[in-house]
Structures are given as C-alpha cells and as structure tokens.
C-alpha cells in the first residue's frame, strides 16, 4: 500500500500486511469477496456496469444485517461516527428476503 507509513503516523495506528498465499490472514477480505460474488462473477468486466449499478451493489452489502454485528448493518454502526444521521434501510432492500441467494435482479445488467 503506497504511503502506508505516512498513513500510520498521521492516524497513530499500526498497518499490517498479510503473507502471500495466506487467505486465513484476511478473513474480512475473503468474506467481502464472497458477498460480492453474489452480484458479480469472478473476473467480471466491471466496464459493463454503470457507477449506479456498482453503488447499488455496495449499498446492498453495506445495508445487509450481519450476525457478527448483532444483526445491525455496517452502515448503521459506521455512519454515526461520521457525524451524519443514522443509516436508513434502502427501500428496495426491505422487500428482499435474506436467503443467501442473489437479492438483486442482474438480468438487465447481464445484457450489457
């Protein structure tokens, strides 16, 4: 990561790097990749998607209740630290059952 020493000094935090070929050292990253695969196939050409499509996917992942957060969303817990209003669940997400299946209709995106 470029300028990691400056970032660590400015924020007063440590910066750590995982060893190559050690996915168990980056569990959060691997979990996020698993969530992204529900919407985007591995190796998908992101040029096929608009910024709005990708923003919608990011919002869906950030607005997803997580067991590790006692069923809160990451947005609900993070946004108050930015001094903003509490997170509001995206209206389309309220209608989507959390079954572990893809919750976004990507059929329109696949035709691009």
PDB file of N, CA and C in Angstrom:
ATOM      1  N   UNK A   1       0.861  -1.172   0.000  1.00  0.00           N
ATOM      2  CA  UNK A   1       0.000   0.000   0.000  1.00  0.00           C
ATOM      3  C   UNK A   1       0.903   1.229   0.000  1.00  0.00           C
ATOM      4  N   UNK A   2       0.713   2.080  -0.966  1.00  0.00           N
ATOM      5  CA  UNK A   2       1.524   3.283  -1.087  1.00  0.00           C
ATOM      6  C   UNK A   2       1.300   4.194   0.118  1.00  0.00           C
ATOM      7  N   UNK A   3       2.371   4.734   0.612  1.00  0.00           N
ATOM      8  CA  UNK A   3       2.340   5.717   1.699  1.00  0.00           C
ATOM      9  C   UNK A   3       1.735   5.173   2.990  1.00  0.00           C
ATOM     10  N   UNK A   4       1.854   3.871   3.235  1.00  0.00           N
ATOM     11  CA  UNK A   4       1.281   3.301   4.453  1.00  0.00           C
ATOM     12  C   UNK A   4       1.968   3.821   5.711  1.00  0.00           C
ATOM     13  N   UNK A   5       3.249   4.145   5.622  1.00  0.00           N
ATOM     14  CA  UNK A   5       3.958   4.664   6.797  1.00  0.00           C
ATOM     15  C   UNK A   5       3.425   6.044   7.183  1.00  0.00           C
ATOM     16  N   UNK A   6       3.160   6.868   6.180  1.00  0.00           N
ATOM     17  CA  UNK A   6       2.600   8.197   6.441  1.00  0.00           C
ATOM     18  C   UNK A   6       1.189   8.088   7.016  1.00  0.00           C
ATOM     19  N   UNK A   7       0.380   7.180   6.475  1.00  0.00           N
ATOM     20  CA  UNK A   7      -0.968   6.960   6.986  1.00  0.00           C
ATOM     21  C   UNK A   7      -0.920   6.510   8.442  1.00  0.00           C
ATOM     22  N   UNK A   8      -0.050   5.563   8.745  1.00  0.00           N
ATOM     23  CA  UNK A   8       0.077   5.056  10.115  1.00  0.00           C
ATOM     24  C   UNK A   8       0.494   6.174  11.067  1.00  0.00           C
ATOM     25  N   UNK A   9       1.431   7.007  10.652  1.00  0.00           N
ATOM     26  CA  UNK A   9       1.896   8.101  11.510  1.00  0.00           C
ATOM     27  C   UNK A   9       0.805   9.145  11.706  1.00  0.00           C
ATOM     28  N   UNK A  10       0.095   9.502  10.631  1.00  0.00           N
ATOM     29  CA  UNK A  10      -0.956  10.522  10.716  1.00  0.00           C
ATOM     30  C   UNK A  10      -2.107  10.077  11.611  1.00  0.00           C
ATOM     31  N   UNK A  11      -2.476   8.801  11.531  1.00  0.00           N
ATOM     32  CA  UNK A  11      -3.616   8.295  12.292  1.00  0.00           C
ATOM     33  C   UNK A  11      -3.219   7.679  13.629  1.00  0.00           C
ATOM     34  N   UNK A  12      -1.933   7.462  13.822  1.00  0.00           N
ATOM     35  CA  UNK A  12      -1.478   6.854  15.068  1.00  0.00           C
ATOM     36  C   UNK A  12      -1.906   5.405  15.205  1.00  0.00           C
ATOM     37  N   UNK A  13      -1.921   4.692  14.088  1.00  0.00           N
ATOM     38  CA  UNK A  13      -2.334   3.281  14.096  1.00  0.00           C
ATOM     39  C   UNK A  13      -1.263   2.435  13.412  1.00  0.00           C
ATOM     40  N   UNK A  14      -1.285   1.149  13.686  1.00  0.00           N
ATOM     41  CA  UNK A  14      -0.396   0.233  13.001  1.00  0.00           C
ATOM     42  C   UNK A  14      -1.002  -0.226  11.690  1.00  0.00           C
ATOM     43  N   UNK A  15      -0.151  -0.494  10.711  1.00  0.00           N
ATOM     44  CA  UNK A  15      -0.582  -1.027   9.425  1.00  0.00           C
ATOM     45  C   UNK A  15       0.089  -2.377   9.268  1.00  0.00           C
ATOM     46  N   UNK A  16      -0.681  -3.398   8.971  1.00  0.00           N
ATOM     47  CA  UNK A  16      -0.177  -4.759   8.866  1.00  0.00           C
ATOM     48  C   UNK A  16      -0.498  -5.323   7.488  1.00  0.00           C
ATOM     49  N   UNK A  17       0.371  -6.178   7.011  1.00  0.00           N
ATOM     50  CA  UNK A  17       0.177  -6.816   5.716  1.00  0.00           C
ATOM     51  C   UNK A  17       0.132  -8.322   5.903  1.00  0.00           C
ATOM     52  N   UNK A  18      -0.707  -8.979   5.136  1.00  0.00           N
ATOM     53  CA  UNK A  18      -0.819 -10.439   5.192  1.00  0.00           C
ATOM     54  C   UNK A  18       0.310 -11.064   4.381  1.00  0.00           C
ATOM     55  N   UNK A  19       0.648 -12.271   4.754  1.00  0.00           N
ATOM     56  CA  UNK A  19       1.635 -13.026   3.988  1.00  0.00           C
ATOM     57  C   UNK A  19       1.008 -13.487   2.678  1.00  0.00           C
ATOM     58  N   UNK A  20       1.816 -13.584   1.616  1.00  0.00           N
ATOM     59  CA  UNK A  20       1.287 -14.084   0.338  1.00  0.00           C
ATOM     60  C   UNK A  20       0.721 -15.492   0.501  1.00  0.00           C
ATOM     61  N   UNK A  21      -0.318 -15.788  -0.265  1.00  0.00           N
ATOM     62  CA  UNK A  21      -0.959 -17.114  -0.275  1.00  0.00           C
ATOM     63  C   UNK A  21      -1.412 -17.565   1.113  1.00  0.00           C
ATOM     64  N   UNK A  22      -1.953 -16.608   1.891  1.00  0.00           N
ATOM     65  CA  UNK A  22      -2.427 -16.904   3.253  1.00  0.00           C
ATOM     66  C   UNK A  22      -3.825 -16.315   3.460  1.00  0.00           C
ATOM     67  N   UNK A  23      -4.851 -16.866   2.793  1.00  0.00           N
ATOM     68  CA  UNK A  23      -6.188 -16.273   2.877  1.00  0.00           C
ATOM     69  C   UNK A  23      -6.753 -16.251   4.294  1.00  0.00           C
ATOM     70  N   UNK A  24      -6.304 -17.151   5.181  1.00  0.00           N
ATOM     71  CA  UNK A  24      -6.803 -17.162   6.557  1.00  0.00           C
ATOM     72  C   UNK A  24      -6.388 -15.908   7.315  1.00  0.00           C
ATOM     73  N   UNK A  25      -5.408 -15.169   6.798  1.00  0.00           N
ATOM     74  CA  UNK A  25      -4.968 -13.943   7.453  1.00  0.00           C
ATOM     75  C   UNK A  25      -5.813 -12.735   7.044  1.00  0.00           C
ATOM     76  N   UNK A  26      -6.666 -12.913   6.084  1.00  0.00           N
ATOM     77  CA  UNK A  26      -7.501 -11.796   5.610  1.00  0.00           C
ATOM     78  C   UNK A  26      -8.965 -12.220   5.499  1.00  0.00           C
ATOM     79  N   UNK A  27      -9.485 -12.671   6.622  1.00  0.00           N
ATOM     80  CA  UNK A  27     -10.852 -13.183   6.656  1.00  0.00           C
ATOM     81  C   UNK A  27     -11.898 -12.183   6.217  1.00  0.00           C
ATOM     82  N   UNK A  28     -11.761 -10.934   6.643  1.00  0.00           N
ATOM     83  CA  UNK A  28     -12.745  -9.915   6.268  1.00  0.00           C
ATOM     84  C   UNK A  28     -12.752  -9.711   4.755  1.00  0.00           C
ATOM     85  N   UNK A  29     -11.572  -9.694   4.153  1.00  0.00           N
ATOM     86  CA  UNK A  29     -11.460  -9.539   2.711  1.00  0.00           C
ATOM     87  C   UNK A  29     -12.097 -10.718   1.986  1.00  0.00           C
ATOM     88  N   UNK A  30     -11.830 -11.934   2.463  1.00  0.00           N
ATOM     89  CA  UNK A  30     -12.401 -13.125   1.836  1.00  0.00           C
ATOM     90  C   UNK A  30     -13.923 -13.136   1.966  1.00  0.00           C
ATOM     91  N   UNK A  31     -14.445 -12.703   3.111  1.00  0.00           N
ATOM     92  CA  UNK A  31     -15.894 -12.642   3.302  1.00  0.00           C
ATOM     93  C   UNK A  31     -16.519 -11.612   2.362  1.00  0.00           C
ATOM     94  N   UNK A  32     -15.866 -10.466   2.216  1.00  0.00           N
ATOM     95  CA  UNK A  32     -16.384  -9.438   1.309  1.00  0.00           C
ATOM     96  C   UNK A  32     -16.391  -9.952  -0.125  1.00  0.00           C
ATOM     97  N   UNK A  33     -15.337 -10.661  -0.512  1.00  0.00           N
ATOM     98  CA  UNK A  33     -15.311 -11.252  -1.855  1.00  0.00           C
ATOM     99  C   UNK A  33     -16.475 -12.221  -2.046  1.00  0.00           C
ATOM    100  N   UNK A  34     -16.778 -13.014  -1.013  1.00  0.00           N
ATOM    101  CA  UNK A  34     -17.903 -13.952  -1.094  1.00  0.00           C
ATOM    102  C   UNK A  34     -19.215 -13.194  -1.312  1.00  0.00           C
ATOM    103  N   UNK A  35     -19.383 -12.074  -0.593  1.00  0.00           N
ATOM    104  CA  UNK A  35     -20.602 -11.282  -0.762  1.00  0.00           C
ATOM    105  C   UNK A  35     -20.667 -10.671  -2.163  1.00  0.00           C
ATOM    106  N   UNK A  36     -19.545 -10.193  -2.661  1.00  0.00           N
ATOM    107  CA  UNK A  36     -19.524  -9.609  -4.000  1.00  0.00           C
ATOM    108  C   UNK A  36     -19.865 -10.635  -5.070  1.00  0.00           C
ATOM    109  N   UNK A  37     -19.472 -11.895  -4.867  1.00  0.00           N
ATOM    110  CA  UNK A  37     -19.746 -12.949  -5.857  1.00  0.00           C
ATOM    111  C   UNK A  37     -21.236 -13.218  -6.004  1.00  0.00           C
ATOM    112  N   UNK A  38     -22.050 -12.774  -5.055  1.00  0.00           N
ATOM    113  CA  UNK A  38     -23.498 -12.912  -5.213  1.00  0.00           C
ATOM    114  C   UNK A  38     -24.017 -11.977  -6.301  1.00  0.00           C
ATOM    115  N   UNK A  39     -23.242 -10.953  -6.604  1.00  0.00           N
ATOM    116  CA  UNK A  39     -23.664  -9.955  -7.589  1.00  0.00           C
ATOM    117  C   UNK A  39     -22.773  -9.934  -8.828  1.00  0.00           C
ATOM    118  N   UNK A  40     -21.505 -10.221  -8.641  1.00  0.00           N
ATOM    119  CA  UNK A  40     -20.538 -10.116  -9.734  1.00  0.00           C
ATOM    120  C   UNK A  40     -19.754 -11.425  -9.835  1.00  0.00           C
ATOM    121  N   UNK A  41     -19.711 -12.002 -11.016  1.00  0.00           N
ATOM    122  CA  UNK A  41     -18.936 -13.222 -11.217  1.00  0.00           C
ATOM    123  C   UNK A  41     -17.447 -12.904 -11.119  1.00  0.00           C
ATOM    124  N   UNK A  42     -16.670 -13.881 -10.683  1.00  0.00           N
ATOM    125  CA  UNK A  42     -15.226 -13.703 -10.603  1.00  0.00           C
ATOM    126  C   UNK A  42     -14.698 -13.346 -11.985  1.00  0.00           C
ATOM    127  N   UNK A  43     -13.893 -12.324 -12.056  1.00  0.00           N
ATOM    128  CA  UNK A  43     -13.343 -11.892 -13.334  1.00  0.00           C
ATOM    129  C   UNK A  43     -14.313 -11.084 -14.179  1.00  0.00           C
ATOM    130  N   UNK A  44     -15.443 -10.666 -13.603  1.00  0.00           N
ATOM    131  CA  UNK A  44     -16.434  -9.893 -14.362  1.00  0.00           C
ATOM    132  C   UNK A  44     -15.809  -8.588 -14.865  1.00  0.00           C
ATOM    133  N   UNK A  45     -16.175  -8.214 -16.056  1.00  0.00           N
ATOM    134  CA  UNK A  45     -15.714  -6.951 -16.631  1.00  0.00           C
ATOM    135  C   UNK A  45     -16.550  -5.830 -16.043  1.00  0.00           C
ATOM    136  N   UNK A  46     -15.972  -5.066 -15.130  1.00  0.00           N
ATOM    137  CA  UNK A  46     -16.725  -4.017 -14.440  1.00  0.00           C
ATOM    138  C   UNK A  46     -17.118  -2.870 -15.373  1.00  0.00           C
ATOM    139  N   UNK A  47     -16.522  -2.818 -16.556  1.00  0.00           N
ATOM    140  CA  UNK A  47     -16.914  -1.780 -17.517  1.00  0.00           C
ATOM    141  C   UNK A  47     -18.338  -1.992 -18.013  1.00  0.00           C
ATOM    142  N   UNK A  48     -18.875  -3.194 -17.821  1.00  0.00           N
ATOM    143  CA  UNK A  48     -20.257  -3.486 -18.236  1.00  0.00           C
ATOM    144  C   UNK A  48     -21.283  -2.847 -17.313  1.00  0.00           C
ATOM    145  N   UNK A  49     -20.850  -2.400 -16.143  1.00  0.00           N
ATOM    146  CA  UNK A  49     -21.759  -1.872 -15.133  1.00  0.00           C
ATOM    147  C   UNK A  49     -21.602  -0.369 -15.022  1.00  0.00           C
ATOM    148  N   UNK A  50     -22.698   0.303 -14.766  1.00  0.00           N
ATOM    149  CA  UNK A  50     -22.637   1.745 -14.549  1.00  0.00           C
ATOM    150  C   UNK A  50     -22.183   2.007 -13.112  1.00  0.00           C
ATOM    151  N   UNK A  51     -21.804   3.230 -12.844  1.00  0.00           N
ATOM    152  CA  UNK A  51     -21.448   3.607 -11.470  1.00  0.00           C
ATOM    153  C   UNK A  51     -22.654   3.397 -10.557  1.00  0.00           C
ATOM    154  N   UNK A  52     -23.849   3.660 -11.063  1.00  0.00           N
ATOM    155  CA  UNK A  52     -25.065   3.463 -10.260  1.00  0.00           C
ATOM    156  C   UNK A  52     -25.266   1.985  -9.926  1.00  0.00           C
ATOM    157  N   UNK A  53     -24.976   1.089 -10.884  1.00  0.00           N
ATOM    158  CA  UNK A  53     -25.081  -0.348 -10.619  1.00  0.00           C
ATOM    159  C   UNK A  53     -24.142  -0.750  -9.487  1.00  0.00           C
ATOM    160  N   UNK A  54     -22.899  -0.309  -9.567  1.00  0.00           N
ATOM    161  CA  UNK A  54     -21.905  -0.665  -8.555  1.00  0.00           C
ATOM    162  C   UNK A  54     -22.230  -0.024  -7.214  1.00  0.00           C
ATOM    163  N   UNK A  55     -22.742   1.213  -7.237  1.00  0.00           N
ATOM    164  CA  UNK A  55     -23.168   1.861  -5.992  1.00  0.00           C
ATOM    165  C   UNK A  55     -24.311   1.087  -5.341  1.00  0.00           C
ATOM    166  N   UNK A  56     -25.234   0.572  -6.164  1.00  0.00           N
ATOM    167  CA  UNK A  56     -26.355  -0.201  -5.638  1.00  0.00           C
ATOM    168  C   UNK A  56     -25.866  -1.489  -4.979  1.00  0.00           C
ATOM    169  N   UNK A  57     -24.903  -2.160  -5.621  1.00  0.00           N
ATOM    170  CA  UNK A  57     -24.337  -3.371  -5.030  1.00  0.00           C
ATOM    171  C   UNK A  57     -23.647  -3.044  -3.714  1.00  0.00           C
ATOM    172  N   UNK A  58     -22.854  -1.975  -3.686  1.00  0.00           N
ATOM    173  CA  UNK A  58     -22.162  -1.582  -2.455  1.00  0.00           C
ATOM    174  C   UNK A  58     -23.169  -1.260  -1.357  1.00  0.00           C
ATOM    175  N   UNK A  59     -24.237  -0.564  -1.714  1.00  0.00           N
ATOM    176  CA  UNK A  59     -25.254  -0.225  -0.719  1.00  0.00           C
ATOM    177  C   UNK A  59     -25.917  -1.486  -0.171  1.00  0.00           C
ATOM    178  N   UNK A  60     -26.213  -2.425  -1.051  1.00  0.00           N
ATOM    179  CA  UNK A  60     -26.855  -3.665  -0.607  1.00  0.00           C
ATOM    180  C   UNK A  60     -25.952  -4.430   0.370  1.00  0.00           C
ATOM    181  N   UNK A  61     -24.667  -4.467   0.100  1.00  0.00           N
ATOM    182  CA  UNK A  61     -23.747  -5.163   1.001  1.00  0.00           C
ATOM    183  C   UNK A  61     -23.628  -4.414   2.321  1.00  0.00           C
ATOM    184  N   UNK A  62     -23.527  -3.089   2.275  1.00  0.00           N
ATOM    185  CA  UNK A  62     -23.380  -2.299   3.499  1.00  0.00           C
ATOM    186  C   UNK A  62     -24.661  -2.218   4.317  1.00  0.00           C
ATOM    187  N   UNK A  63     -25.804  -2.439   3.668  1.00  0.00           N
ATOM    188  CA  UNK A  63     -27.089  -2.379   4.376  1.00  0.00           C
ATOM    189  C   UNK A  63     -27.589  -3.763   4.781  1.00  0.00           C
ATOM    190  N   UNK A  64     -26.746  -4.756   4.636  1.00  0.00           N
ATOM    191  CA  UNK A  64     -27.113  -6.139   4.956  1.00  0.00           C
ATOM    192  C   UNK A  64     -26.882  -6.408   6.444  1.00  0.00           C
ATOM    193  N   UNK A  65     -27.887  -6.878   7.166  1.00  0.00           N
ATOM    194  CA  UNK A  65     -27.682  -7.209   8.583  1.00  0.00           C
ATOM    195  C   UNK A  65     -26.649  -8.323   8.722  1.00  0.00           C
ATOM    196  N   UNK A  66     -25.792  -8.193   9.737  1.00  0.00           N
ATOM    197  CA  UNK A  66     -24.730  -9.186   9.934  1.00  0.00           C
ATOM    198  C   UNK A  66     -24.779  -9.752  11.339  1.00  0.00           C
ATOM    199  N   UNK A  67     -24.661 -11.056  11.409  1.00  0.00           N
ATOM    200  CA  UNK A  67     -24.699 -11.728  12.710  1.00  0.00           C
ATOM    201  C   UNK A  67     -23.586 -11.207  13.622  1.00  0.00           C
ATOM    202  N   UNK A  68     -22.383 -11.011  13.074  1.00  0.00           N
ATOM    203  CA  UNK A  68     -21.246 -10.558  13.884  1.00  0.00           C
ATOM    204  C   UNK A  68     -21.499  -9.165  14.482  1.00  0.00           C
ATOM    205  N   UNK A  69     -22.409  -8.407  13.899  1.00  0.00           N
ATOM    206  CA  UNK A  69     -22.765  -7.078  14.403  1.00  0.00           C
ATOM    207  C   UNK A  69     -24.079  -7.111  15.173  1.00  0.00           C
ATOM    208  N   UNK A  70     -24.439  -8.282  15.671  1.00  0.00           N
ATOM    209  CA  UNK A  70     -25.695  -8.472  16.398  1.00  0.00           C
ATOM    210  C   UNK A  70     -26.886  -8.036  15.542  1.00  0.00           C
ATOM    211  N   UNK A  71     -26.828  -8.392  14.270  1.00  0.00           N
ATOM    212  CA  UNK A  71     -27.855  -8.157  13.263  1.00  0.00           C
ATOM    213  C   UNK A  71     -28.065  -6.687  12.926  1.00  0.00           C
ATOM    214  N   UNK A  72     -27.105  -5.849  13.271  1.00  0.00           N
ATOM    215  CA  UNK A  72     -27.104  -4.471  12.775  1.00  0.00           C
ATOM    216  C   UNK A  72     -26.422  -4.492  11.406  1.00  0.00           C
ATOM    217  N   UNK A  73     -26.543  -3.406  10.675  1.00  0.00           N
ATOM    218  CA  UNK A  73     -25.829  -3.297   9.404  1.00  0.00           C
ATOM    219  C   UNK A  73     -24.539  -2.531   9.649  1.00  0.00           C
ATOM    220  N   UNK A  74     -23.577  -2.716   8.768  1.00  0.00           N
ATOM    221  CA  UNK A  74     -22.332  -1.965   8.915  1.00  0.00           C
ATOM    222  C   UNK A  74     -22.599  -0.470   8.766  1.00  0.00           C
ATOM    223  N   UNK A  75     -23.533  -0.098   7.909  1.00  0.00           N
ATOM    224  CA  UNK A  75     -23.871   1.321   7.743  1.00  0.00           C
ATOM    225  C   UNK A  75     -24.458   1.904   9.030  1.00  0.00           C
ATOM    226  N   UNK A  76     -25.328   1.141   9.699  1.00  0.00           N
ATOM    227  CA  UNK A  76     -25.934   1.628  10.945  1.00  0.00           C
ATOM    228  C   UNK A  76     -24.880   1.911  12.014  1.00  0.00           C
ATOM    229  N   UNK A  77     -23.830   1.125  12.033  1.00  0.00           N
ATOM    230  CA  UNK A  77     -22.802   1.300  13.050  1.00  0.00           C
ATOM    231  C   UNK A  77     -21.715   2.284  12.640  1.00  0.00           C
ATOM    232  N   UNK A  78     -21.479   2.429  11.347  1.00  0.00           N
ATOM    233  CA  UNK A  78     -20.397   3.287  10.878  1.00  0.00           C
ATOM    234  C   UNK A  78     -20.815   4.744  10.697  1.00  0.00           C
ATOM    235  N   UNK A  79     -21.970   4.994  10.095  1.00  0.00           N
ATOM    236  CA  UNK A  79     -22.369   6.364   9.765  1.00  0.00           C
ATOM    237  C   UNK A  79     -22.440   7.308  10.964  1.00  0.00           C
ATOM    238  N   UNK A  80     -22.896   6.883  12.131  1.00  0.00           N
ATOM    239  CA  UNK A  80     -22.900   7.811  13.266  1.00  0.00           C
ATOM    240  C   UNK A  80     -21.504   8.329  13.635  1.00  0.00           C
ATOM    241  N   UNK A  81     -20.469   7.566  13.330  1.00  0.00           N
ATOM    242  CA  UNK A  81     -19.098   8.009  13.609  1.00  0.00           C
ATOM    243  C   UNK A  81     -18.660   9.119  12.666  1.00  0.00           C
ATOM    244  N   UNK A  82     -19.358   9.289  11.576  1.00  0.00           N
ATOM    245  CA  UNK A  82     -19.047  10.356  10.629  1.00  0.00           C
ATOM    246  C   UNK A  82     -19.808  11.633  10.949  1.00  0.00           C
ATOM    247  N   UNK A  83     -20.639  11.574  11.999  1.00  0.00           N
ATOM    248  CA  UNK A  83     -21.408  12.753  12.394  1.00  0.00           C
ATOM    249  C   UNK A  83     -22.666  12.945  11.579  1.00  0.00           C
ATOM    250  N   UNK A  84     -23.012  11.974  10.767  1.00  0.00           N
ATOM    251  CA  UNK A  84     -24.207  12.082   9.945  1.00  0.00           C
ATOM    252  C   UNK A  84     -25.407  11.476  10.633  1.00  0.00           C
ATOM    253  N   UNK A  85     -26.534  11.511   9.967  1.00  0.00           N
ATOM    254  CA  UNK A  85     -27.749  10.919  10.537  1.00  0.00           C
ATOM    255  C   UNK A  85     -27.632   9.401  10.553  1.00  0.00           C
ATOM    256  N   UNK A  86     -28.433   8.744  11.358  1.00  0.00           N
ATOM    257  CA  UNK A  86     -28.429   7.271  11.360  1.00  0.00           C
ATOM    258  C   UNK A  86     -28.761   6.728   9.979  1.00  0.00           C
ATOM    259  N   UNK A  87     -28.268   5.555   9.701  1.00  0.00           N
ATOM    260  CA  UNK A  87     -28.499   4.924   8.397  1.00  0.00           C
ATOM    261  C   UNK A  87     -29.970   4.578   8.226  1.00  0.00           C
ATOM    262  N   UNK A  88     -30.420   4.677   6.995  1.00  0.00           N
ATOM    263  CA  UNK A  88     -31.789   4.301   6.649  1.00  0.00           C
ATOM    264  C   UNK A  88     -31.694   3.140   5.681  1.00  0.00           C
ATOM    265  N   UNK A  89     -32.502   2.116   5.905  1.00  0.00           N
ATOM    266  CA  UNK A  89     -32.501   0.963   5.024  1.00  0.00           C
ATOM    267  C   UNK A  89     -33.042   1.373   3.662  1.00  0.00           C
ATOM    268  N   UNK A  90     -32.347   0.979   2.622  1.00  0.00           N
ATOM    269  CA  UNK A  90     -32.749   1.261   1.253  1.00  0.00           C
ATOM    270  C   UNK A  90     -34.130   0.653   1.013  1.00  0.00           C
ATOM    271  N   UNK A  91     -35.079   1.397   0.445  1.00  0.00           N
ATOM    272  CA  UNK A  91     -36.446   0.888   0.275  1.00  0.00           C
ATOM    273  C   UNK A  91     -36.512  -0.451  -0.455  1.00  0.00           C
ATOM    274  N   UNK A  92     -35.686  -0.674  -1.470  1.00  0.00           N
ATOM    275  CA  UNK A  92     -35.752  -1.938  -2.208  1.00  0.00           C
ATOM    276  C   UNK A  92     -35.255  -3.092  -1.356  1.00  0.00           C
ATOM    277  N   UNK A  93     -34.375  -2.837  -0.394  1.00  0.00           N
ATOM    278  CA  UNK A  93     -33.858  -3.917   0.441  1.00  0.00           C
ATOM    279  C   UNK A  93     -34.916  -4.458   1.383  1.00  0.00           C
ATOM    280  N   UNK A  94     -35.856  -3.629   1.785  1.00  0.00           N
ATOM    281  CA  UNK A  94     -36.895  -4.077   2.706  1.00  0.00           C
ATOM    282  C   UNK A  94     -37.745  -5.174   2.080  1.00  0.00           C
ATOM    283  N   UNK A  95     -37.785  -5.228   0.761  1.00  0.00           N
ATOM    284  CA  UNK A  95     -38.631  -6.201   0.075  1.00  0.00           C
ATOM    285  C   UNK A  95     -37.884  -7.481  -0.277  1.00  0.00           C
ATOM    286  N   UNK A  96     -36.571  -7.535  -0.002  1.00  0.00           N
ATOM    287  CA  UNK A  96     -35.758  -8.660  -0.425  1.00  0.00           C
ATOM    288  C   UNK A  96     -35.518  -9.599   0.745  1.00  0.00           C
ATOM    289  N   UNK A  97     -35.915 -10.865   0.646  1.00  0.00           N
ATOM    290  CA  UNK A  97     -35.648 -11.806   1.729  1.00  0.00           C
ATOM    291  C   UNK A  97     -34.156 -12.113   1.803  1.00  0.00           C
ATOM    292  N   UNK A  98     -33.636 -12.273   2.994  1.00  0.00           N
ATOM    293  CA  UNK A  98     -32.226 -12.568   3.190  1.00  0.00           C
ATOM    294  C   UNK A  98     -32.053 -14.082   3.221  1.00  0.00           C
ATOM    295  N   UNK A  99     -31.936 -14.704   2.069  1.00  0.00           N
ATOM    296  CA  UNK A  99     -31.853 -16.156   1.986  1.00  0.00           C
ATOM    297  C   UNK A  99     -30.475 -16.640   1.602  1.00  0.00           C
ATOM    298  N   UNK A 100     -29.544 -15.726   1.376  1.00  0.00           N
ATOM    299  CA  UNK A 100     -28.228 -16.120   0.910  1.00  0.00           C
ATOM    300  C   UNK A 100     -28.171 -16.243  -0.600  1.00  0.00           C
ATOM    301  N   UNK A 101     -29.302 -16.087  -1.260  1.00  0.00           N
ATOM    302  CA  UNK A 101     -29.349 -16.122  -2.708  1.00  0.00           C
ATOM    303  C   UNK A 101     -29.157 -14.698  -3.231  1.00  0.00           C
ATOM    304  N   UNK A 102     -28.747 -14.544  -4.475  1.00  0.00           N
ATOM    305  CA  UNK A 102     -28.611 -13.192  -5.019  1.00  0.00           C
ATOM    306  C   UNK A 102     -29.910 -12.421  -4.838  1.00  0.00           C
ATOM    307  N   UNK A 103     -29.809 -11.238  -4.272  1.00  0.00           N
ATOM    308  CA  UNK A 103     -31.008 -10.465  -3.980  1.00  0.00           C
ATOM    309  C   UNK A 103     -31.216  -9.345  -4.980  1.00  0.00           C
ATOM    310  N   UNK A 104     -30.382  -9.270  -5.979  1.00  0.00           N
ATOM    311  CA  UNK A 104     -30.509  -8.218  -6.968  1.00  0.00           C
ATOM    312  C   UNK A 104     -30.774  -8.861  -8.318  1.00  0.00           C
ATOM    313  N   UNK A 105     -31.728  -8.336  -9.045  1.00  0.00           N
ATOM    314  CA  UNK A 105     -32.013  -8.864 -10.369  1.00  0.00           C
ATOM    315  C   UNK A 105     -30.956  -8.324 -11.318  1.00  0.00           C
ATOM    316  N   UNK A 106     -30.001  -9.163 -11.658  1.00  0.00           N
ATOM    317  CA  UNK A 106     -28.919  -8.730 -12.528  1.00  0.00           C
ATOM    318  C   UNK A 106     -29.196  -9.063 -13.988  1.00  0.00           C
ATOM    319  N   UNK A 107     -30.385  -9.535 -14.291  1.00  0.00           N
ATOM    320  CA  UNK A 107     -30.665  -9.924 -15.667  1.00  0.00           C
ATOM    321  C   UNK A 107     -30.497  -8.741 -16.611  1.00  0.00           C
ATOM    322  N   UNK A 108     -30.893  -7.562 -16.192  1.00  0.00           N
ATOM    323  CA  UNK A 108     -30.719  -6.376 -17.051  1.00  0.00           C
ATOM    324  C   UNK A 108     -29.246  -6.047 -17.188  1.00  0.00           C
ATOM    325  N   UNK A 109     -28.467  -6.252 -16.127  1.00  0.00           N
ATOM    326  CA  UNK A 109     -27.047  -5.953 -16.186  1.00  0.00           C
ATOM    327  C   UNK A 109     -26.315  -6.957 -17.083  1.00  0.00           C
ATOM    328  N   UNK A 110     -26.760  -8.200 -17.083  1.00  0.00           N
ATOM    329  CA  UNK A 110     -26.107  -9.235 -17.873  1.00  0.00           C
ATOM    330  C   UNK A 110     -26.239  -8.974 -19.379  1.00  0.00           C
ATOM    331  N   UNK A 111     -27.230  -8.204 -19.774  1.00  0.00           N
ATOM    332  CA  UNK A 111     -27.461  -7.967 -21.203  1.00  0.00           C
ATOM    333  C   UNK A 111     -26.576  -6.859 -21.748  1.00  0.00           C
ATOM    334  N   UNK A 112     -25.805  -6.209 -20.872  1.00  0.00           N
ATOM    335  CA  UNK A 112     -24.956  -5.113 -21.354  1.00  0.00           C
ATOM    336  C   UNK A 112     -23.754  -5.630 -22.071  1.00  0.00           C
TER     337      UNK A 112
END
